[in-house]
Amino acid sequence: MSRYAFDKSLREIQNDILRMGSLVEQAIFDSVDSFMNQDVTVAAGVIMGDERIDELFLEIEDKCVKIIATQQPIAKDLRVAITGIKILLSLERMADHSVDIARSTMCLTGHPMIVRPVQEIPRMARMARQMVKDGLDAYVNRDVEKAKAMCAMDDQVDFIFSHVFKDTLACMEENPQVVVQGAYLLYVSRYLERIADHATNIGEAVIYLVTGERRELN
């Protein structure tokens, strides 16, 4: 494979990853929207849409593996392929957590969400989605500083998660009738916290891609 063809293959992989990232961002948005509005139709769409994300994951992963196996890239070229696989894994896990949130919506049918901390969920989701967007932007532009700044947002998500966790437990103690809703709220907040963690992994992958350094920013 010529250098031109090799670079073209790497660009195609990058574009495929961005396409998958767009689907994952939408899945996060839709899953939280379904949870907040108890919309089982939207939730079902997230669950069914995960199959396409999984298929895309396998397609792109296969391209990355083939480049490594057939071209035996070295140095930075190898890091590009490895980083692609790392980002793919993080995106796939985010999609899985979006499905988890959608399934929580399904399980809550007939149980109105009246637990106070639920109002924090959209804010957590917005921050998590912004982290995903910024992480992918940093990947495309090889922007280490943006990757670091995006990873720093994880602390804010963790802070909100801690607040939701404590406040939800307090609500459940005050009113045992909301235990079911509270339990699912805890699940959803945890899923969003994990999505932010996986977004941080993308930032770490970008730093590795550009510098060759392995940084633990989570």
Protein backbone atom coordinates (compact mmCIF):
# COMPACT_ATOMS: atom_id res chain seq x y z
CA MET A 1 0.00 0.00 0.00
CA SER A 2 1.38 3.40 -1.00
CA ARG A 3 1.75 6.20 1.54
CA TYR A 4 -1.13 8.05 -0.12
CA ALA A 5 -3.40 5.01 0.12
CA PHE A 6 -2.32 4.41 3.71
CA ASP A 7 -3.10 7.99 4.76
CA LYS A 8 -6.41 7.76 2.93
CA SER A 9 -7.32 4.63 4.93
CA LEU A 10 -6.47 6.41 8.19
CA ARG A 11 -8.66 9.38 7.20
CA GLU A 12 -11.53 7.03 6.41
CA ILE A 13 -11.20 5.44 9.83
CA GLN A 14 -11.24 8.88 11.45
CA ASN A 15 -14.38 9.85 9.56
CA ASP A 16 -16.03 6.56 10.50
CA ILE A 17 -15.22 7.18 14.16
CA LEU A 18 -16.78 10.65 13.94
CA ARG A 19 -19.88 9.12 12.36
CA MET A 20 -20.13 6.62 15.21
CA GLY A 21 -19.53 9.42 17.72
CA SER A 22 -22.45 11.36 16.27
CA LEU A 23 -24.73 8.34 16.71
CA VAL A 24 -23.55 7.90 20.29
CA GLU A 25 -24.14 11.56 21.14
CA GLN A 26 -27.69 11.24 19.79
CA ALA A 27 -28.23 8.04 21.76
CA ILE A 28 -27.20 9.80 24.98
CA PHE A 29 -29.56 12.68 24.26
CA ASP A 30 -32.48 10.44 23.33
CA SER A 31 -32.03 8.09 26.27
CA VAL A 32 -32.10 10.94 28.78
CA ASP A 33 -35.00 12.58 26.95
CA SER A 34 -36.93 9.31 27.18
CA PHE A 35 -36.15 9.03 30.88
CA MET A 36 -37.16 12.58 31.75
CA ASN A 37 -40.41 12.36 29.76
CA GLN A 38 -41.07 8.67 30.37
CA ASP A 39 -41.31 8.21 26.63
CA VAL A 40 -41.08 4.49 25.93
CA THR A 41 -41.19 5.06 22.17
CA VAL A 42 -37.99 7.10 22.24
CA ALA A 43 -36.47 4.59 24.65
CA ALA A 44 -37.27 1.75 22.25
CA GLY A 45 -35.59 3.71 19.46
CA VAL A 46 -32.39 3.98 21.50
CA ILE A 47 -32.40 0.26 22.22
CA MET A 48 -32.99 -0.71 18.60
CA GLY A 49 -30.47 1.84 17.33
CA ASP A 50 -27.72 0.26 19.39
CA GLU A 51 -27.52 -2.59 16.89
CA ARG A 52 -26.35 -0.19 14.18
CA ILE A 53 -23.75 1.30 16.53
CA ASP A 54 -22.47 -2.19 17.36
CA GLU A 55 -22.24 -3.04 13.66
CA LEU A 56 -20.33 0.16 12.96
CA PHE A 57 -18.01 -0.57 15.86
CA LEU A 58 -17.10 -3.95 14.42
CA GLU A 59 -16.62 -2.53 10.92
CA ILE A 60 -14.24 0.21 12.07
CA GLU A 61 -12.40 -2.05 14.49
CA ASP A 62 -11.82 -4.51 11.65
CA LYS A 63 -10.33 -1.72 9.51
CA CYS A 64 -7.96 -0.73 12.32
CA VAL A 65 -6.87 -4.31 12.92
CA LYS A 66 -6.28 -4.92 9.21
CA ILE A 67 -4.05 -1.84 8.96
CA ILE A 68 -1.99 -3.03 11.92
CA ALA A 69 -1.79 -6.60 10.59
CA THR A 70 -1.08 -5.89 6.93
CA GLN A 71 0.88 -2.63 6.99
CA GLN A 72 2.81 -3.16 10.23
CA PRO A 73 2.88 0.57 10.95
CA ILE A 74 5.51 1.96 13.33
CA ALA A 75 5.78 4.93 15.66
CA LYS A 76 3.05 7.53 15.19
CA ASP A 77 1.21 5.60 12.48
CA LEU A 78 0.81 2.71 14.90
CA ARG A 79 -0.46 5.09 17.58
CA VAL A 80 -3.10 6.37 15.16
CA ALA A 81 -4.48 2.86 14.68
CA ILE A 82 -4.29 1.99 18.39
CA THR A 83 -5.95 5.28 19.35
CA GLY A 84 -8.76 4.57 16.90
CA ILE A 85 -9.47 1.27 18.63
CA LYS A 86 -9.35 2.89 22.09
CA ILE A 87 -11.82 5.58 21.06
CA LEU A 88 -14.10 3.00 19.46
CA LEU A 89 -14.21 0.98 22.69
CA SER A 90 -15.10 4.08 24.71
CA LEU A 91 -17.87 5.08 22.29
CA GLU A 92 -19.30 1.57 22.27
CA ARG A 93 -19.48 1.52 26.07
CA MET A 94 -21.21 4.92 26.06
CA ALA A 95 -23.80 3.54 23.66
CA ASP A 96 -24.34 0.58 25.99
CA HIS A 97 -24.94 2.92 28.92
CA SER A 98 -27.42 4.89 26.81
CA VAL A 99 -29.30 1.63 26.29
CA ASP A 100 -29.18 1.06 30.05
CA ILE A 101 -30.83 4.45 30.58
CA ALA A 102 -33.48 3.65 27.96
CA ARG A 103 -34.21 0.35 29.69
CA SER A 104 -34.64 2.22 32.97
CA THR A 105 -37.31 4.27 31.21
CA MET A 106 -39.07 1.06 30.22
CA CYS A 107 -38.95 -0.25 33.78
CA LEU A 108 -40.40 2.98 35.17
CA THR A 109 -43.59 2.83 33.13
CA GLY A 110 -46.42 3.70 35.48
CA HIS A 111 -44.13 5.13 38.16
CA PRO A 112 -44.01 8.95 37.84
CA MET A 113 -40.54 10.34 38.54
CA ILE A 114 -41.15 12.67 41.50
CA VAL A 115 -37.78 12.39 43.19
CA ARG A 116 -36.19 15.85 43.58
CA PRO A 117 -32.69 15.15 42.22
CA VAL A 118 -34.05 14.07 38.84
CA GLN A 119 -33.75 17.71 37.79
CA GLU A 120 -29.96 17.32 37.81
CA ILE A 121 -30.01 14.55 35.21
CA PRO A 122 -30.32 16.79 32.13
CA ARG A 123 -27.36 18.88 33.35
CA MET A 124 -25.24 15.75 33.79
CA ALA A 125 -26.25 14.59 30.32
CA ARG A 126 -25.40 17.96 28.70
CA MET A 127 -21.97 17.94 30.28
CA ALA A 128 -21.31 14.32 29.29
CA ARG A 129 -22.35 14.99 25.69
CA GLN A 130 -20.16 18.10 25.58
CA MET A 131 -17.24 16.02 26.81
CA VAL A 132 -17.82 13.53 24.00
CA LYS A 133 -18.01 16.31 21.42
CA ASP A 134 -14.89 18.05 22.73
CA GLY A 135 -13.01 14.76 22.93
CA LEU A 136 -13.74 13.97 19.29
CA ASP A 137 -12.87 17.53 18.26
CA ALA A 138 -9.55 17.14 20.08
CA TYR A 139 -9.02 13.85 18.25
CA VAL A 140 -9.60 15.37 14.82
CA ASN A 141 -7.45 18.43 15.50
CA ARG A 142 -4.81 16.60 17.57
CA ASP A 143 -5.46 19.20 20.28
CA VAL A 144 -3.84 18.14 23.56
CA GLU A 145 -4.98 21.21 25.50
CA LYS A 146 -8.61 20.68 24.51
CA ALA A 147 -8.31 17.04 25.51
CA LYS A 148 -7.01 18.05 28.95
CA ALA A 149 -9.73 20.68 29.41
CA MET A 150 -12.40 18.18 28.43
CA CYS A 151 -11.09 15.64 30.92
CA ALA A 152 -11.21 18.27 33.67
CA MET A 153 -15.00 18.49 33.18
CA ASP A 154 -15.25 14.98 34.59
CA ASP A 155 -14.75 16.40 38.07
CA GLN A 156 -17.90 18.48 37.66
CA VAL A 157 -19.90 15.46 36.53
CA ASP A 158 -18.60 13.50 39.51
CA PHE A 159 -19.64 16.33 41.83
CA ILE A 160 -23.19 16.35 40.46
CA PHE A 161 -23.35 12.57 40.69
CA SER A 162 -22.33 12.71 44.35
CA HIS A 163 -25.03 15.30 45.02
CA VAL A 164 -27.70 13.26 43.21
CA PHE A 165 -26.68 10.11 45.06
CA LYS A 166 -26.90 11.69 48.52
CA ASP A 167 -30.08 13.64 47.78
CA THR A 168 -31.82 10.62 46.28
CA LEU A 169 -31.04 8.48 49.33
CA ALA A 170 -32.45 11.23 51.54
CA CYS A 171 -35.65 11.33 49.47
CA MET A 172 -36.03 7.56 49.71
CA GLU A 173 -35.61 7.70 53.48
CA GLU A 174 -38.20 10.47 53.78
CA ASN A 175 -40.73 8.78 51.53
CA PRO A 176 -40.50 4.99 51.03
CA GLN A 177 -43.12 5.25 48.27
CA VAL A 178 -40.47 6.66 45.91
CA VAL A 179 -37.95 3.88 46.47
CA VAL A 180 -38.52 2.38 43.00
CA GLN A 181 -38.12 5.72 41.25
CA GLY A 182 -35.14 6.58 43.43
CA ALA A 183 -33.40 3.31 42.61
CA TYR A 184 -33.67 3.92 38.87
CA LEU A 185 -32.58 7.51 39.31
CA LEU A 186 -29.43 6.22 41.01
CA TYR A 187 -28.87 3.84 38.11
CA VAL A 188 -29.27 6.58 35.50
CA SER A 189 -27.00 9.04 37.30
CA ARG A 190 -24.37 6.31 37.57
CA TYR A 191 -24.65 5.51 33.86
CA LEU A 192 -24.10 9.17 33.00
CA GLU A 193 -21.13 9.33 35.35
CA ARG A 194 -19.65 6.33 33.54
CA ILE A 195 -20.29 7.95 30.15
CA ALA A 196 -18.24 10.93 31.32
CA ASP A 197 -15.49 8.55 32.43
CA HIS A 198 -15.39 6.97 28.98
CA ALA A 199 -15.25 10.45 27.43
CA THR A 200 -12.22 11.09 29.62
CA ASN A 201 -10.67 7.95 28.17
CA ILE A 202 -10.99 9.55 24.73
CA GLY A 203 -9.07 12.57 26.00
CA GLU A 204 -6.35 10.30 27.33
CA ALA A 205 -6.20 8.51 23.98
CA VAL A 206 -5.75 11.83 22.17
CA ILE A 207 -2.86 12.78 24.43
CA TYR A 208 -1.27 9.40 23.74
CA LEU A 209 -1.78 9.86 20.02
CA VAL A 210 -0.09 13.26 19.92
CA THR A 211 2.66 12.84 22.53
CA GLY A 212 3.14 9.10 22.93
CA GLU A 213 2.62 9.59 26.68
CA ARG A 214 0.11 7.56 28.68
CA ARG A 215 -1.70 9.95 31.02
CA GLU A 216 -4.24 9.00 33.69
CA LEU A 217 -6.74 11.87 33.79
CA ASN A 218 -9.80 10.03 35.13
